[in-house]
């Protein structure tokens, strides 16, 4: 695919944006893939869906649990609760709060 390095750089920069960055990166890469060929576009979109699922359901809870020294399931549940209660603002704020003692 032409300009693959440029597209990869744009996806990497977009992935730094919390919550929506990976989706923006997938749109950029998927659009470039579909411009190349429909098969390439589908392959790119399938890759990004699998990538997002692995990152959100495996990597994020494990990394956060090591950062706050809690069980990965506790971290995942706390992020889900915070996202439900606080929306897009609540989910990122949940990362370090579940490990604090009461009153902190």
Protein backbone atom coordinates (compact mmCIF):
# COMPACT_ATOMS: atom_id res chain seq x y z
CA UNK A 1 0.00 0.00 0.00
CA UNK A 2 1.48 3.38 -0.91
CA UNK A 3 2.37 5.73 1.95
CA UNK A 4 2.04 2.96 4.55
CA UNK A 5 4.58 4.65 6.85
CA UNK A 6 2.68 7.95 6.76
CA UNK A 7 -0.62 6.20 7.49
CA UNK A 8 1.00 4.27 10.34
CA UNK A 9 2.33 7.53 11.82
CA UNK A 10 -1.13 9.13 11.62
CA UNK A 11 -2.68 6.08 13.29
CA UNK A 12 -0.04 6.16 16.04
CA UNK A 13 -0.70 9.85 16.72
CA UNK A 14 -4.48 9.32 16.67
CA UNK A 15 -4.14 6.39 19.10
CA UNK A 16 -2.81 8.81 21.72
CA UNK A 17 -6.24 10.46 21.93
CA UNK A 18 -8.17 8.81 24.78
CA UNK A 19 -11.28 6.79 23.96
CA UNK A 20 -11.74 7.83 20.31
CA UNK A 21 -8.19 7.85 18.97
CA UNK A 22 -8.05 4.23 17.90
CA UNK A 23 -11.37 4.60 16.10
CA UNK A 24 -10.10 7.69 14.28
CA UNK A 25 -6.95 5.80 13.34
CA UNK A 26 -9.03 2.90 12.05
CA UNK A 27 -11.10 5.27 9.93
CA UNK A 28 -7.94 6.81 8.45
CA UNK A 29 -6.31 3.45 7.74
CA UNK A 30 -9.55 1.84 6.55
CA UNK A 31 -10.21 4.74 4.19
CA UNK A 32 -6.72 4.43 2.75
CA UNK A 33 -7.20 0.67 2.44
CA UNK A 34 -10.49 1.07 0.57
CA UNK A 35 -8.86 3.60 -1.76
CA UNK A 36 -6.28 0.93 -2.57
CA UNK A 37 -8.77 -1.93 -2.99
CA UNK A 38 -11.95 -3.18 -1.29
CA UNK A 39 -10.12 -6.30 -0.09
CA UNK A 40 -7.36 -4.25 1.53
CA UNK A 41 -9.96 -2.03 3.19
CA UNK A 42 -11.79 -5.01 4.68
CA UNK A 43 -8.55 -6.56 5.90
CA UNK A 44 -7.56 -3.28 7.58
CA UNK A 45 -10.96 -2.91 9.27
CA UNK A 46 -10.96 -6.52 10.51
CA UNK A 47 -7.45 -6.02 11.87
CA UNK A 48 -8.47 -2.88 13.76
CA UNK A 49 -11.56 -4.53 15.25
CA UNK A 50 -9.47 -7.45 16.54
CA UNK A 51 -6.77 -5.05 17.76
CA UNK A 52 -9.30 -2.94 19.68
CA UNK A 53 -10.88 -5.99 21.32
CA UNK A 54 -7.52 -7.35 22.48
CA UNK A 55 -6.36 -3.95 23.75
CA UNK A 56 -9.58 -3.09 25.57
CA UNK A 57 -10.36 -6.47 27.09
CA UNK A 58 -6.92 -7.96 27.75
CA UNK A 59 -4.15 -5.37 27.80
CA UNK A 60 -5.82 -2.39 29.46
CA UNK A 61 -7.11 -4.24 32.57
CA UNK A 62 -3.77 -6.01 33.09
CA UNK A 63 -1.68 -2.85 32.71
CA UNK A 64 -4.00 -0.81 34.93
CA UNK A 65 -4.10 -3.55 37.56
CA UNK A 66 -0.31 -3.48 37.79
CA UNK A 67 -0.34 0.31 38.05
CA UNK A 68 -2.82 0.35 40.96
CA UNK A 69 -2.03 -3.14 42.32
CA UNK A 70 -5.53 -4.55 41.94
CA UNK A 71 -7.11 -7.55 40.27
CA UNK A 72 -7.70 -6.94 36.52
CA UNK A 73 -11.39 -7.78 36.94
CA UNK A 74 -11.71 -5.07 39.62
CA UNK A 75 -10.16 -2.55 37.25
CA UNK A 76 -12.40 -3.56 34.34
CA UNK A 77 -15.57 -3.38 36.47
CA UNK A 78 -14.58 0.00 37.94
CA UNK A 79 -13.93 1.46 34.47
CA UNK A 80 -17.30 0.14 33.24
CA UNK A 81 -19.10 1.63 36.25
CA UNK A 82 -17.30 4.96 35.86
CA UNK A 83 -18.13 5.05 32.14
CA UNK A 84 -21.79 4.36 32.92
CA UNK A 85 -21.96 7.03 35.61
CA UNK A 86 -19.65 9.65 34.12
CA UNK A 87 -19.77 8.95 30.40
CA UNK A 88 -16.69 9.81 28.33
CA UNK A 89 -15.29 11.90 31.18
CA UNK A 90 -15.77 9.21 33.84
CA UNK A 91 -14.03 6.30 32.11
CA UNK A 92 -10.48 7.76 32.01
CA UNK A 93 -10.84 9.06 35.56
CA UNK A 94 -11.55 5.57 36.89
CA UNK A 95 -8.03 4.34 36.22
CA UNK A 96 -6.38 5.24 39.50
CA UNK A 97 -9.34 5.89 41.76
CA UNK A 98 -10.28 2.31 42.65
CA UNK A 99 -6.91 1.71 44.32
CA UNK A 100 -7.14 4.64 46.71
CA UNK A 101 -8.13 4.10 50.33
CA UNK A 102 -11.42 5.72 51.44
CA UNK A 103 -11.18 9.45 52.01
CA UNK A 104 -8.34 10.03 49.55
